[in-house]
Amino acid sequence: MRIFVTVRVLVAGILALTCAAPAALAASTLPAESFTRLLAQIDARRVTAAHLDERTHHVGVTLRGGERFLVTFPAADHRVLVDALLHHGVKPIYVVPRAHTVHHVLRYVIGGVVIFLIALGAAVFLFLRRGPRGALPQSPPAA
């Protein structure tokens, strides 16, 4: 009976980790802000650093208090944004986004499946190794 509890706990733990991993990876690190609020922050001289991604039209902004924001700006206002940053003494840093390859993601998924199968095989091996229940060895009758 103890093996069933162990197998259930093992399967529940693996399922919990499998369900929690995508939620952790999908969490965003920077809150989104509006473009007009960003321009107001630049005019108030609160911006200390700006990382521009021209391809996706995003700018990561660090404020004086250490707060970080991610802002999507219109493509037509790119020049306005850069001019405002330079006018207020903030040199924009141009970011080249990295290409995400599918190969690495598939490697981790396959690794998780292999670990799950190994754990399942170990649980089945331990269960079958114990032998049948209730069958006690018979001693020969005394003569």
N, C-alpha and C. Protein backbone atom coordinates (compact mmCIF):
# COMPACT_ATOMS: atom_id res chain seq x y z
N MET A 1 0.82 -1.19 0.00
CA MET A 1 0.00 0.00 0.00
C MET A 1 0.87 1.27 0.00
N ARG A 2 2.04 1.15 0.63
CA ARG A 2 2.93 2.30 0.73
C ARG A 2 3.47 2.70 -0.65
N ILE A 3 3.66 1.74 -1.54
CA ILE A 3 4.17 2.04 -2.87
C ILE A 3 3.18 2.86 -3.68
N PHE A 4 1.88 2.61 -3.48
CA PHE A 4 0.87 3.40 -4.20
C PHE A 4 0.93 4.86 -3.78
N VAL A 5 1.12 5.08 -2.49
CA VAL A 5 1.22 6.46 -1.99
C VAL A 5 2.47 7.11 -2.56
N THR A 6 3.58 6.39 -2.61
CA THR A 6 4.83 6.92 -3.14
C THR A 6 4.68 7.26 -4.62
N VAL A 7 4.06 6.39 -5.38
CA VAL A 7 3.87 6.63 -6.80
C VAL A 7 2.95 7.83 -7.01
N ARG A 8 1.90 7.92 -6.22
CA ARG A 8 0.97 9.06 -6.36
C ARG A 8 1.68 10.37 -6.04
N VAL A 9 2.47 10.39 -4.98
CA VAL A 9 3.20 11.61 -4.62
C VAL A 9 4.21 11.96 -5.70
N LEU A 10 4.89 10.97 -6.24
CA LEU A 10 5.86 11.20 -7.31
C LEU A 10 5.19 11.76 -8.56
N VAL A 11 4.09 11.18 -8.96
CA VAL A 11 3.38 11.66 -10.15
C VAL A 11 2.82 13.06 -9.90
N ALA A 12 2.26 13.31 -8.71
CA ALA A 12 1.72 14.64 -8.41
C ALA A 12 2.83 15.69 -8.41
N GLY A 13 4.00 15.36 -7.89
CA GLY A 13 5.12 16.30 -7.91
C GLY A 13 5.60 16.62 -9.31
N ILE A 14 5.68 15.60 -10.15
CA ILE A 14 6.12 15.82 -11.52
C ILE A 14 5.10 16.67 -12.28
N LEU A 15 3.82 16.40 -12.08
CA LEU A 15 2.79 17.20 -12.74
C LEU A 15 2.82 18.64 -12.25
N ALA A 16 3.04 18.85 -10.96
CA ALA A 16 3.09 20.20 -10.44
C ALA A 16 4.26 20.97 -11.04
N LEU A 17 5.42 20.34 -11.14
CA LEU A 17 6.57 21.01 -11.74
C LEU A 17 6.36 21.27 -13.23
N THR A 18 5.71 20.34 -13.91
CA THR A 18 5.45 20.50 -15.34
C THR A 18 4.49 21.65 -15.59
N CYS A 19 3.49 21.81 -14.74
CA CYS A 19 2.51 22.88 -14.92
C CYS A 19 3.06 24.23 -14.50
N ALA A 20 4.00 24.27 -13.55
CA ALA A 20 4.51 25.54 -13.05
C ALA A 20 5.59 26.13 -13.94
N ALA A 21 6.29 25.32 -14.71
CA ALA A 21 7.40 25.80 -15.51
C ALA A 21 6.98 26.80 -16.60
N PRO A 22 5.93 26.53 -17.40
CA PRO A 22 5.56 27.52 -18.42
C PRO A 22 5.10 28.84 -17.83
N ALA A 23 4.43 28.81 -16.67
CA ALA A 23 3.98 30.05 -16.05
C ALA A 23 5.17 30.87 -15.59
N ALA A 24 6.20 30.23 -15.10
CA ALA A 24 7.38 30.96 -14.65
C ALA A 24 8.14 31.55 -15.83
N LEU A 25 8.20 30.82 -16.93
CA LEU A 25 8.91 31.33 -18.10
C LEU A 25 8.16 32.46 -18.80
N ALA A 26 6.84 32.47 -18.69
CA ALA A 26 6.05 33.47 -19.38
C ALA A 26 5.95 34.78 -18.61
N ALA A 27 6.41 34.81 -17.38
CA ALA A 27 6.30 36.03 -16.57
C ALA A 27 7.16 37.13 -17.17
N SER A 28 6.61 38.31 -17.26
CA SER A 28 7.33 39.46 -17.81
C SER A 28 8.10 40.15 -16.70
N THR A 29 9.30 40.63 -16.99
CA THR A 29 10.11 41.28 -15.97
C THR A 29 9.86 42.77 -15.91
N LEU A 30 9.36 43.36 -16.96
CA LEU A 30 9.16 44.79 -16.98
C LEU A 30 7.68 45.13 -17.20
N PRO A 31 7.13 46.04 -16.40
CA PRO A 31 5.75 46.46 -16.65
C PRO A 31 5.68 47.37 -17.87
N ALA A 32 4.56 47.35 -18.56
CA ALA A 32 4.40 48.18 -19.76
C ALA A 32 3.87 49.57 -19.38
N GLU A 33 4.35 50.57 -20.05
CA GLU A 33 3.93 51.95 -19.82
C GLU A 33 3.50 52.55 -21.16
N SER A 34 2.90 53.72 -21.09
CA SER A 34 2.45 54.38 -22.31
C SER A 34 3.54 55.32 -22.83
N PHE A 35 3.46 55.61 -24.12
CA PHE A 35 4.47 56.46 -24.75
C PHE A 35 4.38 57.90 -24.26
N THR A 36 3.16 58.40 -24.06
CA THR A 36 3.01 59.79 -23.57
C THR A 36 3.56 59.93 -22.16
N ARG A 37 3.38 58.90 -21.32
CA ARG A 37 3.93 58.96 -19.97
C ARG A 37 5.45 58.93 -20.03
N LEU A 38 6.00 58.19 -20.99
CA LEU A 38 7.45 58.16 -21.14
C LEU A 38 7.99 59.54 -21.52
N LEU A 39 7.32 60.21 -22.44
CA LEU A 39 7.77 61.56 -22.81
C LEU A 39 7.70 62.51 -21.63
N ALA A 40 6.69 62.37 -20.78
CA ALA A 40 6.59 63.20 -19.57
C ALA A 40 7.73 62.89 -18.61
N GLN A 41 8.11 61.63 -18.49
CA GLN A 41 9.22 61.25 -17.63
C GLN A 41 10.54 61.80 -18.16
N ILE A 42 10.68 61.81 -19.49
CA ILE A 42 11.90 62.36 -20.09
C ILE A 42 11.97 63.86 -19.84
N ASP A 43 10.86 64.56 -20.02
CA ASP A 43 10.82 66.01 -19.78
C ASP A 43 11.09 66.35 -18.31
N ALA A 44 10.69 65.50 -17.40
CA ALA A 44 10.93 65.73 -15.98
C ALA A 44 12.35 65.32 -15.57
N ARG A 45 13.14 64.85 -16.52
CA ARG A 45 14.54 64.43 -16.31
C ARG A 45 14.65 63.30 -15.28
N ARG A 46 13.71 62.39 -15.32
CA ARG A 46 13.75 61.23 -14.43
C ARG A 46 14.39 60.02 -15.09
N VAL A 47 14.58 60.05 -16.41
CA VAL A 47 15.12 58.90 -17.15
C VAL A 47 16.65 58.93 -17.06
N THR A 48 17.24 57.80 -16.64
CA THR A 48 18.70 57.72 -16.57
C THR A 48 19.29 56.86 -17.68
N ALA A 49 18.53 55.89 -18.20
CA ALA A 49 19.03 55.02 -19.27
C ALA A 49 17.86 54.59 -20.14
N ALA A 50 18.13 54.44 -21.43
CA ALA A 50 17.10 54.00 -22.38
C ALA A 50 17.73 53.02 -23.37
N HIS A 51 17.14 51.84 -23.47
CA HIS A 51 17.60 50.80 -24.39
C HIS A 51 16.57 50.67 -25.50
N LEU A 52 16.92 51.09 -26.72
CA LEU A 52 16.00 51.09 -27.85
C LEU A 52 16.17 49.84 -28.70
N ASP A 53 15.05 49.25 -29.05
CA ASP A 53 15.02 48.14 -30.00
C ASP A 53 14.23 48.66 -31.20
N GLU A 54 14.94 49.02 -32.26
CA GLU A 54 14.30 49.63 -33.43
C GLU A 54 13.46 48.65 -34.22
N ARG A 55 13.79 47.38 -34.15
CA ARG A 55 13.05 46.40 -34.93
C ARG A 55 11.65 46.16 -34.37
N THR A 56 11.53 46.05 -33.05
CA THR A 56 10.23 45.79 -32.43
C THR A 56 9.58 47.05 -31.89
N HIS A 57 10.26 48.18 -31.95
CA HIS A 57 9.77 49.48 -31.47
C HIS A 57 9.45 49.43 -29.98
N HIS A 58 10.41 48.91 -29.22
CA HIS A 58 10.31 48.89 -27.77
C HIS A 58 11.49 49.68 -27.20
N VAL A 59 11.26 50.31 -26.07
CA VAL A 59 12.33 50.98 -25.36
C VAL A 59 12.24 50.59 -23.89
N GLY A 60 13.35 50.10 -23.36
CA GLY A 60 13.44 49.78 -21.93
C GLY A 60 14.03 50.98 -21.22
N VAL A 61 13.31 51.51 -20.25
CA VAL A 61 13.68 52.75 -19.59
C VAL A 61 14.00 52.47 -18.12
N THR A 62 15.08 53.06 -17.63
CA THR A 62 15.41 53.01 -16.21
C THR A 62 15.27 54.43 -15.66
N LEU A 63 14.48 54.56 -14.59
CA LEU A 63 14.26 55.86 -13.97
C LEU A 63 15.25 56.07 -12.83
N ARG A 64 15.27 57.28 -12.29
CA ARG A 64 16.20 57.63 -11.22
C ARG A 64 16.05 56.75 -9.98
N GLY A 65 14.84 56.39 -9.64
CA GLY A 65 14.60 55.58 -8.45
C GLY A 65 14.93 54.11 -8.64
N GLY A 66 15.39 53.73 -9.81
CA GLY A 66 15.71 52.34 -10.08
C GLY A 66 14.58 51.57 -10.74
N GLU A 67 13.44 52.21 -10.95
CA GLU A 67 12.31 51.54 -11.61
C GLU A 67 12.65 51.32 -13.08
N ARG A 68 12.15 50.20 -13.61
CA ARG A 68 12.36 49.88 -15.01
C ARG A 68 11.02 49.68 -15.69
N PHE A 69 10.90 50.20 -16.91
CA PHE A 69 9.66 50.10 -17.67
C PHE A 69 9.97 49.69 -19.10
N LEU A 70 9.00 49.04 -19.71
CA LEU A 70 9.09 48.68 -21.12
C LEU A 70 7.99 49.43 -21.84
N VAL A 71 8.36 50.22 -22.84
CA VAL A 71 7.40 51.08 -23.55
C VAL A 71 7.44 50.72 -25.03
N THR A 72 6.27 50.58 -25.61
CA THR A 72 6.15 50.41 -27.06
C THR A 72 5.86 51.77 -27.66
N PHE A 73 6.70 52.18 -28.60
CA PHE A 73 6.50 53.49 -29.22
C PHE A 73 6.12 53.34 -30.68
N PRO A 74 5.34 54.29 -31.21
CA PRO A 74 4.98 54.23 -32.63
C PRO A 74 6.22 54.43 -33.51
N ALA A 75 6.24 53.76 -34.64
CA ALA A 75 7.39 53.86 -35.54
C ALA A 75 7.59 55.29 -36.04
N ALA A 76 6.50 56.01 -36.22
CA ALA A 76 6.61 57.38 -36.71
C ALA A 76 7.23 58.32 -35.68
N ASP A 77 7.15 57.96 -34.39
CA ASP A 77 7.68 58.82 -33.33
C ASP A 77 9.08 58.42 -32.88
N HIS A 78 9.75 57.61 -33.65
CA HIS A 78 11.10 57.18 -33.29
C HIS A 78 12.05 58.37 -33.17
N ARG A 79 11.99 59.25 -34.16
CA ARG A 79 12.88 60.42 -34.16
C ARG A 79 12.54 61.35 -33.00
N VAL A 80 11.27 61.51 -32.68
CA VAL A 80 10.85 62.36 -31.56
C VAL A 80 11.42 61.81 -30.26
N LEU A 81 11.35 60.51 -30.08
CA LEU A 81 11.86 59.87 -28.87
C LEU A 81 13.36 60.05 -28.73
N VAL A 82 14.09 59.78 -29.80
CA VAL A 82 15.54 59.89 -29.75
C VAL A 82 15.96 61.35 -29.51
N ASP A 83 15.30 62.29 -30.18
CA ASP A 83 15.62 63.71 -29.97
C ASP A 83 15.34 64.14 -28.53
N ALA A 84 14.24 63.69 -27.96
CA ALA A 84 13.90 64.05 -26.58
C ALA A 84 14.94 63.48 -25.62
N LEU A 85 15.35 62.26 -25.85
CA LEU A 85 16.37 61.65 -24.98
C LEU A 85 17.69 62.41 -25.07
N LEU A 86 18.13 62.69 -26.29
CA LEU A 86 19.40 63.40 -26.46
C LEU A 86 19.33 64.82 -25.91
N HIS A 87 18.19 65.50 -26.07
CA HIS A 87 18.01 66.87 -25.58
C HIS A 87 18.12 66.93 -24.05
N HIS A 88 17.69 65.88 -23.38
CA HIS A 88 17.71 65.86 -21.92
C HIS A 88 18.91 65.11 -21.35
N GLY A 89 19.90 64.82 -22.18
CA GLY A 89 21.16 64.27 -21.70
C GLY A 89 21.21 62.77 -21.53
N VAL A 90 20.28 62.05 -22.13
CA VAL A 90 20.29 60.59 -22.03
C VAL A 90 20.68 60.04 -23.40
N LYS A 91 21.81 59.31 -23.43
CA LYS A 91 22.24 58.73 -24.69
C LYS A 91 21.55 57.38 -24.85
N PRO A 92 20.73 57.20 -25.89
CA PRO A 92 20.04 55.91 -26.08
C PRO A 92 21.02 54.81 -26.46
N ILE A 93 20.76 53.62 -25.93
CA ILE A 93 21.56 52.45 -26.23
C ILE A 93 20.74 51.58 -27.17
N TYR A 94 21.28 51.32 -28.35
CA TYR A 94 20.55 50.54 -29.35
C TYR A 94 20.81 49.05 -29.11
N VAL A 95 19.73 48.30 -29.02
CA VAL A 95 19.80 46.88 -28.68
C VAL A 95 19.50 46.06 -29.93
N VAL A 96 20.32 45.05 -30.15
CA VAL A 96 20.06 44.10 -31.23
C VAL A 96 19.49 42.85 -30.57
N PRO A 97 18.22 42.52 -30.85
CA PRO A 97 17.62 41.36 -30.19
C PRO A 97 18.27 40.06 -30.66
N ARG A 98 18.39 39.13 -29.72
CA ARG A 98 18.94 37.82 -30.05
C ARG A 98 17.88 36.96 -30.70
N ALA A 99 18.31 36.12 -31.61
CA ALA A 99 17.39 35.19 -32.25
C ALA A 99 17.20 33.99 -31.32
N HIS A 100 15.96 33.67 -31.03
CA HIS A 100 15.66 32.51 -30.19
C HIS A 100 15.57 31.28 -31.07
N THR A 101 16.34 30.30 -30.73
CA THR A 101 16.33 29.08 -31.52
C THR A 101 15.43 28.05 -30.87
N VAL A 102 14.77 27.28 -31.69
CA VAL A 102 13.86 26.25 -31.21
C VAL A 102 14.64 25.07 -30.66
N HIS A 103 15.85 24.90 -31.12
CA HIS A 103 16.65 23.75 -30.74
C HIS A 103 16.82 23.65 -29.22
N HIS A 104 17.10 24.76 -28.57
CA HIS A 104 17.33 24.73 -27.13
C HIS A 104 16.04 24.43 -26.37
N VAL A 105 14.92 24.97 -26.82
CA VAL A 105 13.65 24.71 -26.15
C VAL A 105 13.28 23.24 -26.27
N LEU A 106 13.46 22.67 -27.44
CA LEU A 106 13.16 21.26 -27.62
C LEU A 106 14.07 20.37 -26.78
N ARG A 107 15.30 20.79 -26.60
CA ARG A 107 16.23 20.03 -25.77
C ARG A 107 15.71 19.92 -24.34
N TYR A 108 15.21 21.01 -23.78
CA TYR A 108 14.70 20.99 -22.42
C TYR A 108 13.40 20.19 -22.31
N VAL A 109 12.55 20.29 -23.30
CA VAL A 109 11.31 19.52 -23.29
C VAL A 109 11.61 18.03 -23.34
N ILE A 110 12.51 17.64 -24.23
CA ILE A 110 12.87 16.23 -24.34
C ILE A 110 13.55 15.75 -23.06
N GLY A 111 14.38 16.57 -22.46
CA GLY A 111 15.01 16.21 -21.20
C GLY A 111 13.99 15.99 -20.10
N GLY A 112 12.96 16.83 -20.04
CA GLY A 112 11.91 16.65 -19.04
C GLY A 112 11.13 15.37 -19.26
N VAL A 113 10.85 15.04 -20.51
CA VAL A 113 10.13 13.80 -20.82
C VAL A 113 10.98 12.59 -20.44
N VAL A 114 12.26 12.64 -20.72
CA VAL A 114 13.15 11.52 -20.37
C VAL A 114 13.20 11.33 -18.86
N ILE A 115 13.32 12.40 -18.10
CA ILE A 115 13.34 12.31 -16.64
C ILE A 115 12.04 11.73 -16.12
N PHE A 116 10.92 12.16 -16.70
CA PHE A 116 9.61 11.64 -16.30
C PHE A 116 9.53 10.13 -16.56
N LEU A 117 10.00 9.69 -17.73
CA LEU A 117 9.94 8.27 -18.06
C LEU A 117 10.87 7.44 -17.16
N ILE A 118 12.02 7.98 -16.80
CA ILE A 118 12.92 7.27 -15.90
C ILE A 118 12.27 7.14 -14.52
N ALA A 119 11.66 8.20 -14.02
CA ALA A 119 11.00 8.15 -12.71
C ALA A 119 9.83 7.17 -12.74
N LEU A 120 9.07 7.17 -13.81
CA LEU A 120 7.95 6.24 -13.93
C LEU A 120 8.44 4.80 -14.00
N GLY A 121 9.50 4.55 -14.74
CA GLY A 121 10.08 3.21 -14.82
C GLY A 121 10.61 2.74 -13.47
N ALA A 122 11.24 3.65 -12.72
CA ALA A 122 11.74 3.28 -11.38
C ALA A 122 10.59 2.94 -10.45
N ALA A 123 9.49 3.69 -10.53
CA ALA A 123 8.34 3.41 -9.68
C ALA A 123 7.72 2.06 -10.02
N VAL A 124 7.59 1.76 -11.30
CA VAL A 124 7.04 0.47 -11.72
C VAL A 124 7.98 -0.66 -11.31
N PHE A 125 9.29 -0.47 -11.45
CA PHE A 125 10.26 -1.48 -11.05
C PHE A 125 10.15 -1.78 -9.56
N LEU A 126 10.07 -0.74 -8.75
CA LEU A 126 9.96 -0.94 -7.30
C LEU A 126 8.65 -1.65 -6.95
N PHE A 127 7.59 -1.32 -7.66
CA PHE A 127 6.30 -1.95 -7.39
C PHE A 127 6.32 -3.43 -7.74
N LEU A 128 6.88 -3.79 -8.87
CA LEU A 128 6.90 -5.18 -9.31
C LEU A 128 7.93 -6.03 -8.58
N ARG A 129 8.92 -5.44 -8.01
CA ARG A 129 9.98 -6.16 -7.34
C ARG A 129 9.52 -6.77 -6.01
N ARG A 130 8.48 -6.20 -5.42
CA ARG A 130 8.05 -6.66 -4.11
C ARG A 130 7.39 -8.02 -4.14
N GLY A 131 6.87 -8.45 -5.25
CA GLY A 131 6.24 -9.76 -5.35
C GLY A 131 4.76 -9.69 -4.98
N PRO A 132 4.07 -10.83 -5.08
CA PRO A 132 2.64 -10.81 -4.79
C PRO A 132 2.37 -10.62 -3.30
N ARG A 133 1.28 -9.96 -3.00
CA ARG A 133 0.89 -9.70 -1.62
C ARG A 133 0.01 -10.83 -1.10
N GLY A 134 0.10 -11.09 0.16
CA GLY A 134 -0.78 -12.05 0.80
C GLY A 134 -0.32 -13.49 0.66
N ALA A 135 0.59 -13.76 -0.21
CA ALA A 135 1.06 -15.13 -0.38
C ALA A 135 2.26 -15.32 0.55
N LEU A 136 2.04 -16.05 1.66
CA LEU A 136 3.12 -16.31 2.60
C LEU A 136 3.75 -17.66 2.28
N PRO A 137 5.02 -17.80 2.50
CA PRO A 137 5.65 -19.10 2.22
C PRO A 137 5.11 -20.17 3.17
N GLN A 138 4.83 -21.33 2.61
CA GLN A 138 4.29 -22.46 3.39
C GLN A 138 5.44 -23.30 3.93
N SER A 139 5.36 -23.63 5.24
CA SER A 139 6.38 -24.52 5.80
C SER A 139 5.90 -25.96 5.69
N PRO A 140 6.80 -26.89 5.45
CA PRO A 140 6.37 -28.28 5.33
C PRO A 140 5.84 -28.80 6.68
N PRO A 141 4.85 -29.67 6.65
CA PRO A 141 4.30 -30.18 7.91
C PRO A 141 5.33 -31.04 8.65
N ALA A 142 5.31 -30.97 9.95
CA ALA A 142 6.25 -31.75 10.77
C ALA A 142 5.77 -33.19 10.86
N ALA A 143 6.65 -34.14 10.75
CA ALA A 143 6.28 -35.55 10.77
C ALA A 143 6.35 -36.20 12.11
